[in-house]
Amino acid sequence: MPSHLHREIESLKRSIVEVGTRVEEALRESVDALKTRNDIQAQAVINGDERIDQLEVQVEEECLKVMALYQPVAIDLRYIISVLKINNDLERIGDLASNVAERVVYLTSRPPLEIPDAIPEMGHLVQEMLGKALDALVSVNPETARDVLEMDNRVDQLHRNMFTVVEQEMLATPERISDWIQVLGVSRYLERSADHCTNIAEDILYMVEGEIHRHQSFVE
């Protein structure tokens, strides 16, 4: 690899890790704010989303610059393409964390509501998926990436179960229907975040192995 290209790719690695770190923090803070009914913490997540958006644009511009100037091939080209896609998925997780935080701000303005256990469990799983995906990206570890894929089924199941839970709560407390709709929204945002973590894991596998893994099952 030419020394200039090597330096650019190392810079790109640092940039995408910064995006990932900020998104990981936003996701963690939004889930914590839900648990503790902390609207100030939730508002901080919402306010921080603009910086994530800015970083996403910077990484995309950096990727395009490297491709235009150095015309990388093979593993270097796969890495840059993967970073472009991972960058987009991270930005979307940041948006979803902000969406969760918006629901928290609403719910804290209402009388306390007992959040179903499935929500914090989903939050924990999605945080673990994102952490593993970022670890796999930094260490270029396909086995860690596969761990992320296998965790997605549990999040999907919890989200499906939430429809039944929310329906029962709406029937029991019809005066809180609007609040339960917000809770279901949180579940949906977490489920979608898990999908984006899965996309990141699949892109890491493409980066390492050169094969597209979308729409394949890794559950034996």
Protein backbone atom coordinates (compact mmCIF):
# COMPACT_ATOMS: atom_id res chain seq x y z
CA MET A 1 0.00 0.00 0.00
CA PRO A 2 1.45 3.45 -0.89
CA SER A 3 2.38 5.41 2.22
CA HIS A 4 -0.04 8.26 1.40
CA LEU A 5 -2.93 5.85 1.00
CA HIS A 6 -1.98 4.08 4.22
CA ARG A 7 -2.09 7.38 6.13
CA GLU A 8 -5.46 8.28 4.62
CA ILE A 9 -6.95 4.92 5.57
CA GLU A 10 -5.61 5.21 9.12
CA SER A 11 -7.21 8.65 9.33
CA LEU A 12 -10.45 7.18 8.02
CA LYS A 13 -10.35 4.49 10.71
CA ARG A 14 -10.04 7.13 13.41
CA SER A 15 -12.90 9.14 11.92
CA ILE A 16 -15.36 6.23 11.72
CA VAL A 17 -14.48 5.18 15.28
CA GLU A 18 -15.30 8.71 16.45
CA VAL A 19 -18.70 8.50 14.78
CA GLY A 20 -19.28 5.10 16.33
CA THR A 21 -18.26 6.26 19.80
CA ARG A 22 -20.65 9.21 19.69
CA VAL A 23 -23.51 7.05 18.43
CA GLU A 24 -22.81 4.44 21.10
CA GLU A 25 -22.97 7.16 23.75
CA ALA A 26 -26.23 8.58 22.33
CA LEU A 27 -27.86 5.16 22.36
CA ARG A 28 -26.73 4.45 25.92
CA GLU A 29 -27.85 7.86 27.19
CA SER A 30 -31.29 7.62 25.55
CA VAL A 31 -31.95 4.20 27.10
CA ASP A 32 -30.69 5.37 30.50
CA ALA A 33 -32.92 8.47 30.28
CA LEU A 34 -35.92 6.23 29.68
CA LYS A 35 -35.12 4.11 32.72
CA THR A 36 -34.64 7.11 35.02
CA ARG A 37 -37.25 9.46 33.48
CA ASN A 38 -34.52 12.03 32.93
CA ASP A 39 -35.75 14.58 30.41
CA ILE A 40 -32.56 16.67 30.68
CA GLN A 41 -30.44 13.66 29.71
CA ALA A 42 -32.85 12.90 26.87
CA GLN A 43 -32.70 16.48 25.58
CA ALA A 44 -28.90 16.29 25.55
CA VAL A 45 -29.14 13.29 23.22
CA ILE A 46 -31.47 15.22 20.91
CA ASN A 47 -29.15 18.24 20.90
CA GLY A 48 -26.12 16.05 20.17
CA ASP A 49 -27.59 14.50 17.03
CA GLU A 50 -26.52 17.43 14.86
CA ARG A 51 -22.86 16.77 15.65
CA ILE A 52 -23.27 13.11 14.63
CA ASP A 53 -24.78 14.29 11.35
CA GLN A 54 -21.83 16.60 10.76
CA LEU A 55 -19.33 13.83 11.42
CA GLU A 56 -21.21 11.49 9.06
CA VAL A 57 -20.87 14.03 6.23
CA GLN A 58 -17.17 14.50 6.99
CA VAL A 59 -16.49 10.76 6.85
CA GLU A 60 -18.37 10.43 3.57
CA GLU A 61 -16.37 13.28 2.05
CA GLU A 62 -13.14 11.69 3.33
CA CYS A 63 -14.04 8.35 1.72
CA LEU A 64 -14.85 9.95 -1.63
CA LYS A 65 -11.62 11.96 -1.53
CA VAL A 66 -9.50 8.86 -0.94
CA MET A 67 -11.25 6.97 -3.75
CA ALA A 68 -10.77 9.85 -6.18
CA LEU A 69 -7.13 10.55 -5.33
CA TYR A 70 -5.72 7.05 -4.88
CA GLN A 71 -8.07 4.73 -6.79
CA PRO A 72 -7.64 1.91 -4.24
CA VAL A 73 -8.17 -1.72 -5.21
CA ALA A 74 -8.86 -5.06 -3.50
CA ILE A 75 -8.98 -4.95 0.32
CA ASP A 76 -8.40 -1.20 0.48
CA LEU A 77 -11.33 -0.53 -1.84
CA ARG A 78 -13.55 -2.92 0.12
CA TYR A 79 -12.58 -1.16 3.33
CA ILE A 80 -13.53 2.27 2.02
CA ILE A 81 -16.82 1.02 0.55
CA SER A 82 -17.62 -0.69 3.84
CA VAL A 83 -16.84 2.45 5.84
CA LEU A 84 -19.16 4.46 3.58
CA LYS A 85 -22.01 2.07 4.32
CA ILE A 86 -21.20 1.66 8.03
CA ASN A 87 -21.05 5.44 8.34
CA ASN A 88 -24.62 5.70 7.05
CA ASP A 89 -25.89 2.98 9.40
CA LEU A 90 -24.24 4.65 12.38
CA GLU A 91 -25.88 7.96 11.51
CA ARG A 92 -29.26 6.23 11.33
CA ILE A 93 -28.71 4.66 14.77
CA GLY A 94 -27.92 8.15 16.04
CA ASP A 95 -31.22 9.39 14.60
CA LEU A 96 -33.08 6.52 16.24
CA ALA A 97 -31.43 7.23 19.60
CA SER A 98 -32.67 10.80 19.22
CA ASN A 99 -36.14 9.47 18.43
CA VAL A 100 -36.07 7.39 21.62
CA ALA A 101 -35.01 10.50 23.53
CA GLU A 102 -37.94 12.46 22.08
CA ARG A 103 -40.32 9.79 23.39
CA VAL A 104 -38.62 10.04 26.78
CA VAL A 105 -39.22 13.80 26.87
CA TYR A 106 -42.89 13.17 26.16
CA LEU A 107 -43.24 10.37 28.71
CA THR A 108 -41.58 12.38 31.48
CA SER A 109 -44.23 15.06 30.99
CA ARG A 110 -46.89 12.46 31.79
CA PRO A 111 -47.70 10.56 34.98
CA PRO A 112 -45.19 7.75 35.66
CA LEU A 113 -45.69 4.62 33.59
CA GLU A 114 -44.24 1.21 34.38
CA ILE A 115 -42.07 0.42 31.36
CA PRO A 116 -42.27 -3.28 30.36
CA ASP A 117 -39.12 -5.29 31.12
CA ALA A 118 -38.72 -6.04 27.41
CA ILE A 119 -37.77 -2.41 26.66
CA PRO A 120 -34.65 -2.21 28.89
CA GLU A 121 -33.72 -5.73 27.77
CA MET A 122 -33.92 -4.62 24.15
CA GLY A 123 -31.90 -1.53 24.99
CA HIS A 124 -29.19 -3.63 26.62
CA LEU A 125 -29.07 -6.05 23.68
CA VAL A 126 -28.86 -3.28 21.07
CA GLN A 127 -26.09 -1.55 23.03
CA GLU A 128 -24.22 -4.86 23.16
CA MET A 129 -24.75 -5.40 19.42
CA LEU A 130 -23.41 -1.95 18.61
CA GLY A 131 -20.44 -2.39 20.93
CA LYS A 132 -19.56 -5.72 19.34
CA ALA A 133 -20.00 -4.29 15.84
CA LEU A 134 -17.59 -1.46 16.63
CA ASP A 135 -15.13 -3.91 18.21
CA ALA A 136 -15.32 -6.04 15.08
CA LEU A 137 -14.67 -2.98 12.94
CA VAL A 138 -11.61 -1.91 14.93
CA SER A 139 -10.14 -5.42 15.25
CA VAL A 140 -11.35 -6.56 11.80
CA ASN A 141 -12.77 -9.67 13.47
CA PRO A 142 -15.37 -11.60 11.43
CA GLU A 143 -16.30 -13.88 14.35
CA THR A 144 -17.33 -10.91 16.49
CA ALA A 145 -19.35 -9.62 13.54
CA ARG A 146 -21.16 -12.97 13.33
CA ASP A 147 -22.00 -12.71 17.04
CA VAL A 148 -23.90 -9.50 16.23
CA LEU A 149 -25.96 -11.24 13.56
CA GLU A 150 -27.01 -13.99 15.92
CA MET A 151 -28.21 -11.50 18.55
CA ASP A 152 -30.68 -9.81 16.21
CA ASN A 153 -33.27 -12.60 16.47
CA ARG A 154 -33.71 -12.00 20.20
CA VAL A 155 -34.37 -8.29 19.65
CA ASP A 156 -36.92 -9.10 16.92
CA GLN A 157 -38.72 -11.50 19.25
CA LEU A 158 -38.87 -8.98 22.08
CA HIS A 159 -40.26 -6.36 19.72
CA ARG A 160 -42.95 -8.73 18.47
CA ASN A 161 -43.92 -9.52 22.05
CA MET A 162 -44.29 -5.83 22.80
CA PHE A 163 -47.35 -5.59 20.55
CA THR A 164 -49.20 -8.03 22.81
CA VAL A 165 -47.99 -6.32 25.97
CA VAL A 166 -49.02 -2.87 24.75
CA GLU A 167 -52.38 -4.10 23.52
CA GLN A 168 -53.13 -5.55 26.96
CA GLU A 169 -52.05 -2.34 28.70
CA MET A 170 -54.21 -0.23 26.39
CA LEU A 171 -57.23 -2.37 27.22
CA ALA A 172 -56.48 -2.16 30.95
CA THR A 173 -55.74 1.60 30.96
CA PRO A 174 -57.51 3.22 27.99
CA GLU A 175 -56.80 6.67 29.42
CA ARG A 176 -53.06 6.01 28.77
CA ILE A 177 -53.37 4.87 25.15
CA SER A 178 -51.29 7.76 23.80
CA ASP A 179 -48.55 6.97 26.33
CA TRP A 180 -48.45 3.31 25.36
CA ILE A 181 -48.17 4.27 21.71
CA GLN A 182 -45.00 6.16 22.62
CA VAL A 183 -43.65 3.12 24.45
CA LEU A 184 -44.30 0.97 21.39
CA GLY A 185 -42.45 3.60 19.35
CA VAL A 186 -39.41 3.16 21.59
CA SER A 187 -39.55 -0.58 20.96
CA ARG A 188 -39.69 -0.01 17.23
CA TYR A 189 -36.74 2.40 17.29
CA LEU A 190 -34.64 -0.11 19.23
CA GLU A 191 -35.58 -2.91 16.83
CA ARG A 192 -34.57 -0.75 13.86
CA SER A 193 -31.30 0.13 15.59
CA ALA A 194 -30.58 -3.59 15.91
CA ASP A 195 -31.20 -3.94 12.16
CA HIS A 196 -28.60 -1.25 11.48
CA CYS A 197 -26.13 -3.03 13.79
CA THR A 198 -26.75 -6.15 11.71
CA ASN A 199 -26.01 -4.17 8.53
CA ILE A 200 -22.71 -3.01 10.04
CA ALA A 201 -21.75 -6.58 10.92
CA GLU A 202 -22.56 -7.73 7.39
CA ASP A 203 -20.43 -4.94 5.94
CA ILE A 204 -17.51 -5.97 8.14
CA LEU A 205 -17.82 -9.52 6.81
CA TYR A 206 -17.79 -8.12 3.27
CA MET A 207 -14.73 -6.07 4.11
CA VAL A 208 -12.83 -9.09 5.41
CA GLU A 209 -14.11 -11.87 3.15
CA GLY A 210 -15.08 -10.03 -0.02
CA GLU A 211 -18.52 -11.67 -0.09
CA ILE A 212 -21.90 -10.00 0.33
CA HIS A 213 -23.71 -11.48 3.32
CA ARG A 214 -27.01 -9.62 3.17
CA HIS A 215 -30.15 -11.76 3.48
CA GLN A 216 -28.20 -14.81 4.63
CA SER A 217 -28.92 -16.63 7.87
CA PHE A 218 -26.12 -17.36 10.32
CA VAL A 219 -28.29 -19.17 12.83
CA GLU A 220 -27.65 -22.89 12.76
